Amino acid sequence: MPIRLFSRLMLLTLLGACSFSATEGIMFQRAVKVGGQEVVIQGPPGFCIDERLVDEARVGAFVFLSDCAVNPEATGPTIARVPISAVLTASVSNKGLPGSENGLTAGLAQLQSFLETPFGQLTLSKSRDPRTLTVLSITRTDKAVFAFVEDLTQTTRTGESPRFWRAFTEVGGRLVALSATGYNASDPEQERIRRIIEAFVDSMHLANS
């Protein structure tokens, strides 16, 4: 079971490797098809999907989200000239959360136990290097497992904070990994990012209910 879970989580974290570009193709929702199942991606209020940075593959799908605003002239969302306060991603597996056949609560409890092991925590890292990784907290609600992580490996040049949040849940029978990264490692900023990732989980469940 741990090997199967490790493989699925690793696939989710490897799906996306995108850079930001904001002009056209912006939407509030985007349906992706994974493993024959359609899953709707919907960010929390204030965040939109860049259609050009949606990647649908055989092993799953990856979606990039960023701050957006409603454009009155186009009567639709835009992320052109909107300051970026956080970067969000959603990775959807083509399979479900192991253990969730006994209910979401059982699957999340199993996942939390796995992520509390050194082996499981490697799936939380951007670099897969345990020397740069610190898992600051792992918590669970009735909808998701949340991990607050610090990874000091330099993987980006766009100034994101080395601290970020990940959330794991299941929607539409598919394992979903969400992430939220800000641009400041301070405690007040990370509290804001925590609220964003929690709202992201709620939006995903609402869109797929």
C-alpha atoms as a PDB file:
ATOM      1  CA  MET A   1       0.000   0.000   0.000  1.00  0.00           C
ATOM      2  CA  PRO A   2       2.712   2.618   0.829  1.00  0.00           C
ATOM      3  CA  ILE A   3       4.435   1.978  -2.534  1.00  0.00           C
ATOM      4  CA  ARG A   4       1.149   2.415  -4.403  1.00  0.00           C
ATOM      5  CA  LEU A   5       0.383   5.640  -2.539  1.00  0.00           C
ATOM      6  CA  PHE A   6       3.941   6.933  -3.017  1.00  0.00           C
ATOM      7  CA  SER A   7       3.702   6.325  -6.772  1.00  0.00           C
ATOM      8  CA  ARG A   8       0.405   8.175  -7.107  1.00  0.00           C
ATOM      9  CA  LEU A   9       1.583  11.159  -5.070  1.00  0.00           C
ATOM     10  CA  MET A  10       4.845  11.355  -7.010  1.00  0.00           C
ATOM     11  CA  LEU A  11       2.950  11.365 -10.319  1.00  0.00           C
ATOM     12  CA  LEU A  12       0.787  14.210  -9.043  1.00  0.00           C
ATOM     13  CA  THR A  13       3.729  16.366  -8.002  1.00  0.00           C
ATOM     14  CA  LEU A  14       5.592  15.697 -11.265  1.00  0.00           C
ATOM     15  CA  LEU A  15       2.663  16.532 -13.551  1.00  0.00           C
ATOM     16  CA  GLY A  16       3.131  20.283 -13.458  1.00  0.00           C
ATOM     17  CA  ALA A  17       6.213  22.302 -14.371  1.00  0.00           C
ATOM     18  CA  CYS A  18       4.874  25.577 -15.724  1.00  0.00           C
ATOM     19  CA  SER A  19       5.856  29.246 -15.870  1.00  0.00           C
ATOM     20  CA  PHE A  20       3.331  32.072 -15.541  1.00  0.00           C
ATOM     21  CA  SER A  21       1.994  34.076 -18.476  1.00  0.00           C
ATOM     22  CA  ALA A  22      -1.170  36.162 -18.184  1.00  0.00           C
ATOM     23  CA  THR A  23      -3.247  37.365 -21.091  1.00  0.00           C
ATOM     24  CA  GLU A  24      -5.973  35.290 -22.784  1.00  0.00           C
ATOM     25  CA  GLY A  25      -7.773  32.010 -22.154  1.00  0.00           C
ATOM     26  CA  ILE A  26      -8.739  32.781 -18.561  1.00  0.00           C
ATOM     27  CA  MET A  27     -11.659  30.973 -16.915  1.00  0.00           C
ATOM     28  CA  PHE A  28     -13.217  30.345 -13.524  1.00  0.00           C
ATOM     29  CA  GLN A  29     -13.764  26.605 -14.147  1.00  0.00           C
ATOM     30  CA  ARG A  30     -12.181  23.952 -16.316  1.00  0.00           C
ATOM     31  CA  ALA A  31     -13.243  20.315 -16.672  1.00  0.00           C
ATOM     32  CA  VAL A  32     -10.461  17.772 -17.193  1.00  0.00           C
ATOM     33  CA  LYS A  33     -10.902  14.116 -18.068  1.00  0.00           C
ATOM     34  CA  VAL A  34      -8.717  11.663 -16.167  1.00  0.00           C
ATOM     35  CA  GLY A  35      -9.043   7.898 -16.234  1.00  0.00           C
ATOM     36  CA  GLY A  36     -12.373   8.208 -18.037  1.00  0.00           C
ATOM     37  CA  GLN A  37     -13.779  10.469 -15.319  1.00  0.00           C
ATOM     38  CA  GLU A  38     -14.490  14.190 -15.666  1.00  0.00           C
ATOM     39  CA  VAL A  39     -13.294  16.379 -12.791  1.00  0.00           C
ATOM     40  CA  VAL A  40     -14.065  20.102 -12.592  1.00  0.00           C
ATOM     41  CA  ILE A  41     -11.225  22.360 -11.450  1.00  0.00           C
ATOM     42  CA  GLN A  42     -12.412  25.485  -9.673  1.00  0.00           C
ATOM     43  CA  GLY A  43     -10.208  27.751  -7.610  1.00  0.00           C
ATOM     44  CA  PRO A  44     -11.183  29.748  -4.543  1.00  0.00           C
ATOM     45  CA  PRO A  45     -12.751  33.195  -5.000  1.00  0.00           C
ATOM     46  CA  GLY A  46     -10.339  35.584  -6.719  1.00  0.00           C
ATOM     47  CA  PHE A  47      -8.377  32.905  -8.608  1.00  0.00           C
ATOM     48  CA  CYS A  48      -8.696  31.766 -12.224  1.00  0.00           C
ATOM     49  CA  ILE A  49      -7.330  29.123 -14.561  1.00  0.00           C
ATOM     50  CA  ASP A  50      -4.948  29.889 -17.419  1.00  0.00           C
ATOM     51  CA  GLU A  51      -6.231  27.648 -20.217  1.00  0.00           C
ATOM     52  CA  ARG A  52      -2.828  27.584 -21.920  1.00  0.00           C
ATOM     53  CA  LEU A  53      -1.255  26.051 -18.827  1.00  0.00           C
ATOM     54  CA  VAL A  54      -3.651  23.102 -18.561  1.00  0.00           C
ATOM     55  CA  ASP A  55      -1.927  19.782 -19.178  1.00  0.00           C
ATOM     56  CA  GLU A  56      -4.028  16.661 -19.676  1.00  0.00           C
ATOM     57  CA  ALA A  57      -2.000  13.458 -19.912  1.00  0.00           C
ATOM     58  CA  ARG A  58      -2.592   9.724 -19.673  1.00  0.00           C
ATOM     59  CA  VAL A  59      -1.510   9.617 -16.027  1.00  0.00           C
ATOM     60  CA  GLY A  60      -3.565  12.641 -14.943  1.00  0.00           C
ATOM     61  CA  ALA A  61      -4.020  16.382 -15.375  1.00  0.00           C
ATOM     62  CA  PHE A  62      -2.315  19.542 -14.147  1.00  0.00           C
ATOM     63  CA  VAL A  63      -3.922  22.978 -13.883  1.00  0.00           C
ATOM     64  CA  PHE A  64      -2.313  26.320 -12.990  1.00  0.00           C
ATOM     65  CA  LEU A  65      -4.260  29.116 -11.271  1.00  0.00           C
ATOM     66  CA  SER A  66      -3.463  32.684 -10.299  1.00  0.00           C
ATOM     67  CA  ASP A  67      -5.125  35.891  -9.104  1.00  0.00           C
ATOM     68  CA  CYS A  68      -7.759  37.252 -11.444  1.00  0.00           C
ATOM     69  CA  ALA A  69     -10.370  39.967 -11.696  1.00  0.00           C
ATOM     70  CA  VAL A  70     -13.563  40.396 -13.687  1.00  0.00           C
ATOM     71  CA  ASN A  71     -13.066  42.490 -16.810  1.00  0.00           C
ATOM     72  CA  PRO A  72     -16.237  44.631 -17.232  1.00  0.00           C
ATOM     73  CA  GLU A  73     -15.592  45.201 -20.937  1.00  0.00           C
ATOM     74  CA  ALA A  74     -15.234  41.504 -21.722  1.00  0.00           C
ATOM     75  CA  THR A  75     -17.693  40.462 -18.957  1.00  0.00           C
ATOM     76  CA  GLY A  76     -15.277  37.710 -18.037  1.00  0.00           C
ATOM     77  CA  PRO A  77     -12.214  37.020 -15.906  1.00  0.00           C
ATOM     78  CA  THR A  78      -8.735  38.291 -16.652  1.00  0.00           C
ATOM     79  CA  ILE A  79      -5.307  37.999 -15.057  1.00  0.00           C
ATOM     80  CA  ALA A  80      -3.665  40.650 -17.199  1.00  0.00           C
ATOM     81  CA  ARG A  81      -2.199  43.397 -14.992  1.00  0.00           C
ATOM     82  CA  VAL A  82      -3.561  41.777 -11.823  1.00  0.00           C
ATOM     83  CA  PRO A  83      -0.859  41.585  -9.094  1.00  0.00           C
ATOM     84  CA  ILE A  84       0.057  37.988  -8.324  1.00  0.00           C
ATOM     85  CA  SER A  85      -0.327  37.303  -4.615  1.00  0.00           C
ATOM     86  CA  ALA A  86      -0.182  33.504  -4.801  1.00  0.00           C
ATOM     87  CA  VAL A  87       0.313  30.668  -7.251  1.00  0.00           C
ATOM     88  CA  LEU A  88      -2.078  27.717  -7.077  1.00  0.00           C
ATOM     89  CA  THR A  89      -1.910  24.338  -8.787  1.00  0.00           C
ATOM     90  CA  ALA A  90      -4.195  21.329  -9.038  1.00  0.00           C
ATOM     91  CA  SER A  91      -2.968  17.876 -10.046  1.00  0.00           C
ATOM     92  CA  VAL A  92      -5.548  15.158 -10.659  1.00  0.00           C
ATOM     93  CA  SER A  93      -4.646  11.465 -10.703  1.00  0.00           C
ATOM     94  CA  ASN A  94      -6.315   8.983 -13.022  1.00  0.00           C
ATOM     95  CA  LYS A  95      -7.068   6.841  -9.951  1.00  0.00           C
ATOM     96  CA  GLY A  96      -8.662   7.401  -6.574  1.00  0.00           C
ATOM     97  CA  LEU A  97      -7.215   7.817  -3.101  1.00  0.00           C
ATOM     98  CA  PRO A  98      -6.068   4.415  -1.787  1.00  0.00           C
ATOM     99  CA  GLY A  99      -8.235   3.361   1.138  1.00  0.00           C
ATOM    100  CA  SER A 100     -11.157   5.596   0.171  1.00  0.00           C
ATOM    101  CA  GLU A 101     -13.156   2.547  -0.881  1.00  0.00           C
ATOM    102  CA  ASN A 102     -13.910   2.385   2.865  1.00  0.00           C
ATOM    103  CA  GLY A 103     -14.951   6.060   2.867  1.00  0.00           C
ATOM    104  CA  LEU A 104     -13.114   9.361   2.433  1.00  0.00           C
ATOM    105  CA  THR A 105     -12.336   9.591   6.154  1.00  0.00           C
ATOM    106  CA  ALA A 106     -10.558   6.225   6.108  1.00  0.00           C
ATOM    107  CA  GLY A 107      -8.594   7.139   2.990  1.00  0.00           C
ATOM    108  CA  LEU A 108      -7.498  10.479   4.420  1.00  0.00           C
ATOM    109  CA  ALA A 109      -6.452   8.882   7.718  1.00  0.00           C
ATOM    110  CA  GLN A 110      -4.307   6.383   5.821  1.00  0.00           C
ATOM    111  CA  LEU A 111      -2.802   9.184   3.731  1.00  0.00           C
ATOM    112  CA  GLN A 112      -1.966  11.270   6.807  1.00  0.00           C
ATOM    113  CA  SER A 113      -0.190   8.315   8.403  1.00  0.00           C
ATOM    114  CA  PHE A 114       1.815   7.811   5.234  1.00  0.00           C
ATOM    115  CA  LEU A 115       2.792  11.492   4.962  1.00  0.00           C
ATOM    116  CA  GLU A 116       4.044  11.439   8.552  1.00  0.00           C
ATOM    117  CA  THR A 117       6.756   8.944   7.555  1.00  0.00           C
ATOM    118  CA  PRO A 118      10.119  10.040   6.063  1.00  0.00           C
ATOM    119  CA  PHE A 119       9.300   8.038   2.919  1.00  0.00           C
ATOM    120  CA  GLY A 120       5.944   9.753   2.510  1.00  0.00           C
ATOM    121  CA  GLN A 121       7.323  13.217   3.127  1.00  0.00           C
ATOM    122  CA  LEU A 122       9.527  12.951   0.043  1.00  0.00           C
ATOM    123  CA  THR A 123       6.349  13.347  -2.014  1.00  0.00           C
ATOM    124  CA  LEU A 124       5.832  16.793  -0.454  1.00  0.00           C
ATOM    125  CA  SER A 125       9.170  18.140  -1.654  1.00  0.00           C
ATOM    126  CA  LYS A 126       9.720  20.036  -4.887  1.00  0.00           C
ATOM    127  CA  SER A 127      13.277  18.717  -5.151  1.00  0.00           C
ATOM    128  CA  ARG A 128      12.969  15.187  -3.670  1.00  0.00           C
ATOM    129  CA  ASP A 129      15.962  16.138  -1.490  1.00  0.00           C
ATOM    130  CA  PRO A 130      15.280  15.425   2.211  1.00  0.00           C
ATOM    131  CA  ARG A 131      18.208  17.670   3.212  1.00  0.00           C
ATOM    132  CA  THR A 132      16.346  20.794   2.080  1.00  0.00           C
ATOM    133  CA  LEU A 133      12.898  19.704   3.241  1.00  0.00           C
ATOM    134  CA  THR A 134      11.175  20.567   6.519  1.00  0.00           C
ATOM    135  CA  VAL A 135       7.583  19.475   7.076  1.00  0.00           C
ATOM    136  CA  LEU A 136       6.219  22.088   9.470  1.00  0.00           C
ATOM    137  CA  SER A 137       2.801  20.521  10.043  1.00  0.00           C
ATOM    138  CA  ILE A 138       0.422  17.851   8.781  1.00  0.00           C
ATOM    139  CA  THR A 139      -3.245  18.137   9.687  1.00  0.00           C
ATOM    140  CA  ARG A 140      -6.470  16.503   8.573  1.00  0.00           C
ATOM    141  CA  THR A 141     -10.086  17.588   8.220  1.00  0.00           C
ATOM    142  CA  ASP A 142     -13.109  15.638   7.009  1.00  0.00           C
ATOM    143  CA  LYS A 143     -12.300  16.776   3.445  1.00  0.00           C
ATOM    144  CA  ALA A 144      -8.508  16.808   3.071  1.00  0.00           C
ATOM    145  CA  VAL A 145      -5.034  16.316   4.474  1.00  0.00           C
ATOM    146  CA  PHE A 146      -3.029  19.563   4.668  1.00  0.00           C
ATOM    147  CA  ALA A 147       0.761  19.809   4.761  1.00  0.00           C
ATOM    148  CA  PHE A 148       2.712  22.992   5.519  1.00  0.00           C
ATOM    149  CA  VAL A 149       6.159  22.606   3.981  1.00  0.00           C
ATOM    150  CA  GLU A 150       9.443  24.461   3.688  1.00  0.00           C
ATOM    151  CA  ASP A 151      11.747  23.477   0.823  1.00  0.00           C
ATOM    152  CA  LEU A 152      14.962  25.490   0.602  1.00  0.00           C
ATOM    153  CA  THR A 153      15.946  24.144  -2.804  1.00  0.00           C
ATOM    154  CA  GLN A 154      16.001  26.956  -5.362  1.00  0.00           C
ATOM    155  CA  THR A 155      13.530  25.696  -7.977  1.00  0.00           C
ATOM    156  CA  THR A 156      12.188  29.013  -9.267  1.00  0.00           C
ATOM    157  CA  ARG A 157      13.406  32.490 -10.176  1.00  0.00           C
ATOM    158  CA  THR A 158      10.071  34.233  -9.758  1.00  0.00           C
ATOM    159  CA  GLY A 159      10.398  34.883  -6.051  1.00  0.00           C
ATOM    160  CA  GLU A 160       7.951  32.418  -4.511  1.00  0.00           C
ATOM    161  CA  SER A 161       8.307  31.722  -0.809  1.00  0.00           C
ATOM    162  CA  PRO A 162      10.192  28.543   0.175  1.00  0.00           C
ATOM    163  CA  ARG A 163       7.181  27.822   2.395  1.00  0.00           C
ATOM    164  CA  PHE A 164       4.014  26.515   0.782  1.00  0.00           C
ATOM    165  CA  TRP A 165       0.866  24.520   1.495  1.00  0.00           C
ATOM    166  CA  ARG A 166      -0.284  21.265  -0.054  1.00  0.00           C
ATOM    167  CA  ALA A 167      -3.688  19.637   0.283  1.00  0.00           C
ATOM    168  CA  PHE A 168      -4.761  16.147  -0.746  1.00  0.00           C
ATOM    169  CA  THR A 169      -8.368  15.125  -1.229  1.00  0.00           C
ATOM    170  CA  GLU A 170     -10.594  13.032  -3.485  1.00  0.00           C
ATOM    171  CA  VAL A 171     -13.258  14.407  -5.829  1.00  0.00           C
ATOM    172  CA  GLY A 172     -15.157  12.520  -8.480  1.00  0.00           C
ATOM    173  CA  GLY A 173     -13.380   9.330  -7.450  1.00  0.00           C
ATOM    174  CA  ARG A 174      -9.963  10.803  -8.271  1.00  0.00           C
ATOM    175  CA  LEU A 175      -7.050  11.711  -6.008  1.00  0.00           C
ATOM    176  CA  VAL A 176      -6.388  15.460  -6.200  1.00  0.00           C
ATOM    177  CA  ALA A 177      -3.299  17.307  -4.960  1.00  0.00           C
ATOM    178  CA  LEU A 178      -3.599  21.070  -4.530  1.00  0.00           C
ATOM    179  CA  SER A 179      -0.861  23.560  -3.735  1.00  0.00           C
ATOM    180  CA  ALA A 180      -0.724  27.241  -2.769  1.00  0.00           C
ATOM    181  CA  THR A 181       2.468  29.285  -2.673  1.00  0.00           C
ATOM    182  CA  GLY A 182       2.856  32.939  -1.736  1.00  0.00           C
ATOM    183  CA  TYR A 183       5.761  35.346  -2.029  1.00  0.00           C
ATOM    184  CA  ASN A 184       6.502  35.939   1.644  1.00  0.00           C
ATOM    185  CA  ALA A 185       7.499  33.425   4.324  1.00  0.00           C
ATOM    186  CA  SER A 186       6.194  35.552   7.225  1.00  0.00           C
ATOM    187  CA  ASP A 187       3.654  34.041   9.617  1.00  0.00           C
ATOM    188  CA  PRO A 188       0.820  36.484   8.716  1.00  0.00           C
ATOM    189  CA  GLU A 189       1.333  35.766   5.020  1.00  0.00           C
ATOM    190  CA  GLN A 190       1.354  32.016   5.542  1.00  0.00           C
ATOM    191  CA  GLU A 191      -1.878  32.258   7.512  1.00  0.00           C
ATOM    192  CA  ARG A 192      -3.415  33.930   4.437  1.00  0.00           C
ATOM    193  CA  ILE A 193      -2.082  31.160   2.180  1.00  0.00           C
ATOM    194  CA  ARG A 194      -3.526  28.564   4.565  1.00  0.00           C
ATOM    195  CA  ARG A 195      -6.967  30.151   4.211  1.00  0.00           C
ATOM    196  CA  ILE A 196      -6.561  30.108   0.413  1.00  0.00           C
ATOM    197  CA  ILE A 197      -5.724  26.382   0.293  1.00  0.00           C
ATOM    198  CA  GLU A 198      -8.661  25.572   2.583  1.00  0.00           C
ATOM    199  CA  ALA A 199     -10.983  27.590   0.332  1.00  0.00           C
ATOM    200  CA  PHE A 200      -9.490  25.787  -2.684  1.00  0.00           C
ATOM    201  CA  VAL A 201     -10.479  22.413  -1.212  1.00  0.00           C
ATOM    202  CA  ASP A 202     -14.001  23.699  -0.547  1.00  0.00           C
ATOM    203  CA  SER A 203     -14.289  25.042  -4.114  1.00  0.00           C
ATOM    204  CA  MET A 204     -13.203  21.715  -5.595  1.00  0.00           C
ATOM    205  CA  HIS A 205     -15.766  19.764  -3.596  1.00  0.00           C
ATOM    206  CA  LEU A 206     -18.493  22.311  -4.404  1.00  0.00           C
ATOM    207  CA  ALA A 207     -17.751  22.201  -8.137  1.00  0.00           C
ATOM    208  CA  ASN A 208     -17.887  18.406  -8.183  1.00  0.00           C
ATOM    209  CA  SER A 209     -20.812  17.852  -5.825  1.00  0.00           C
END
